[in-house]
Protein backbone atom coordinates (compact mmCIF):
# COMPACT_ATOMS: atom_id res chain seq x y z
CA MET A 1 -13.38 -16.57 12.21
CA ASP A 2 -11.21 -13.80 13.59
CA PHE A 3 -10.67 -12.22 10.17
CA ILE A 4 -13.42 -9.62 10.72
CA PRO A 5 -12.23 -8.46 14.19
CA ARG A 6 -8.64 -8.16 12.87
CA LEU A 7 -9.85 -6.18 9.86
CA VAL A 8 -11.91 -3.86 12.08
CA GLU A 9 -8.91 -3.38 14.39
CA ARG A 10 -6.63 -2.50 11.44
CA LEU A 11 -9.20 -0.07 10.02
CA ASP A 12 -9.61 1.60 13.41
CA LEU A 13 -5.84 1.94 13.82
CA PHE A 14 -5.60 3.42 10.31
CA ARG A 15 -8.36 5.96 11.03
CA ARG A 16 -6.77 7.01 14.34
CA SER A 17 -3.37 7.33 12.65
CA LEU A 18 -4.66 9.69 9.97
CA GLY A 19 -4.79 12.57 12.44
CA VAL A 20 -1.14 12.17 13.49
CA VAL A 21 0.38 13.45 10.24
CA PRO A 22 -1.15 16.28 8.18
CA TRP A 23 -2.64 15.16 4.87
CA ALA A 24 -0.19 17.29 2.86
CA GLU A 25 2.70 15.39 4.46
CA LEU A 26 1.13 12.03 3.56
CA VAL A 27 0.74 13.21 -0.03
CA ALA A 28 4.35 14.45 -0.10
CA THR A 29 5.50 11.13 1.34
CA VAL A 30 3.72 9.08 -1.33
CA GLN A 31 5.05 11.40 -4.05
CA GLY A 32 8.57 11.02 -2.64
CA MET A 33 8.20 7.25 -2.53
CA GLU A 34 7.16 7.30 -6.19
CA ARG A 35 10.60 8.77 -7.05
CA ASP A 36 12.49 5.96 -5.29
CA ASP A 37 12.84 2.88 -7.53
CA GLU A 38 12.31 0.18 -4.90
CA LEU A 39 9.63 2.03 -2.97
CA LYS A 40 7.88 2.92 -6.22
CA ARG A 41 7.60 -0.76 -7.09
CA ASP A 42 6.01 -1.65 -3.75
CA LEU A 43 3.73 1.37 -3.92
CA GLY A 44 2.50 0.33 -7.38
CA LEU A 45 2.00 -3.19 -6.11
CA TYR A 46 0.04 -1.86 -3.13
CA PHE A 47 -2.28 0.29 -5.25
CA GLN A 48 -2.93 -2.52 -7.73
CA HIS A 49 -3.54 -5.01 -4.92
CA ALA A 50 -5.93 -2.58 -3.22
CA ALA A 51 -7.84 -2.04 -6.48
CA MET A 52 -8.12 -5.81 -6.99
CA THR A 53 -9.26 -6.65 -3.49
CA GLY A 54 -11.76 -3.80 -3.40
CA ALA A 55 -13.30 -4.64 -6.77
CA PRO A 56 -16.58 -6.54 -6.98
CA LYS A 57 -16.02 -10.27 -7.24
CA ILE A 58 -16.73 -11.81 -10.62
CA SER A 59 -16.59 -15.41 -11.70
CA ARG A 60 -13.19 -16.55 -12.96
CA MET A 61 -14.12 -20.12 -13.82
CA GLY A 62 -11.11 -21.64 -15.52
CA CYS A 63 -9.13 -18.39 -15.42
CA GLU A 64 -6.05 -17.43 -13.47
CA SER A 65 -6.78 -15.37 -10.36
CA PRO A 66 -6.03 -11.63 -10.49
CA LEU A 67 -3.69 -12.09 -7.53
CA ARG A 68 -1.65 -14.73 -9.40
CA ARG A 69 -1.47 -12.43 -12.45
CA LEU A 70 -0.26 -9.58 -10.25
CA ALA A 71 2.35 -11.85 -8.67
CA ALA A 72 3.55 -12.95 -12.13
CA ARG A 73 3.71 -9.32 -13.34
CA TYR A 74 5.98 -8.40 -10.42
CA GLY A 75 7.93 -11.67 -10.46
CA MET A 76 6.88 -12.58 -6.92
CA SER A 77 4.99 -15.33 -5.17
CA VAL A 78 1.40 -14.68 -4.16
CA SER A 79 2.40 -14.71 -0.49
CA THR A 80 5.08 -12.06 -1.16
CA VAL A 81 2.55 -9.86 -2.96
CA ILE A 82 0.17 -10.11 -0.01
CA ARG A 83 2.93 -9.47 2.55
CA ARG A 84 4.31 -6.44 0.71
CA ALA A 85 0.84 -5.01 0.09
CA GLN A 86 -0.01 -5.37 3.78
CA ASN A 87 3.30 -3.79 4.82
CA THR A 88 3.12 -0.74 2.52
CA PRO A 89 0.81 1.35 4.75
CA ARG A 90 3.32 0.86 7.60
CA VAL A 91 6.14 1.99 5.32
CA ILE A 92 4.16 5.07 4.27
CA ALA A 93 3.43 5.86 7.92
CA HIS A 94 7.11 5.42 8.87
CA TYR A 95 8.33 7.80 6.19
CA ALA A 96 5.51 10.28 6.89
CA LEU A 97 6.33 10.34 10.61
CA THR A 98 10.07 10.79 9.97
CA GLY A 99 9.40 13.51 7.39
CA VAL A 100 12.13 12.24 5.06
CA PHE A 101 10.23 12.83 1.84
CA VAL A 102 8.51 15.97 3.09
CA ARG A 103 11.88 17.69 3.50
CA THR A 104 12.95 16.38 0.09
CA VAL A 105 9.86 17.85 -1.57
CA GLU A 106 10.35 21.19 0.19
CA HIS A 107 13.96 21.38 -1.05
CA ASP A 108 12.90 20.51 -4.59
CA LEU A 109 10.52 23.48 -4.76
């Protein structure tokens, strides 16, 4: 029952957080994360999970769930996929706020 209020709360927090870091720094952070092997893996997982959960629901009668396929592709359990996908926005925010990848991108230019 409290799924909807929690979702609304997370969305509201996300929207309020967007104004804290300039968009260019968020982009630079994601690009920097894509160059780091471990972070790149979680980032790919996050984007694929987001695409799956946002897609219209279709019948899968007798078929493996997309979430189980994603877990198998990454060699993880379904609960680990969900946990990592939910944690990735926090990781992006952490790196964006610290500016680690922003400075890296500036030095690369």
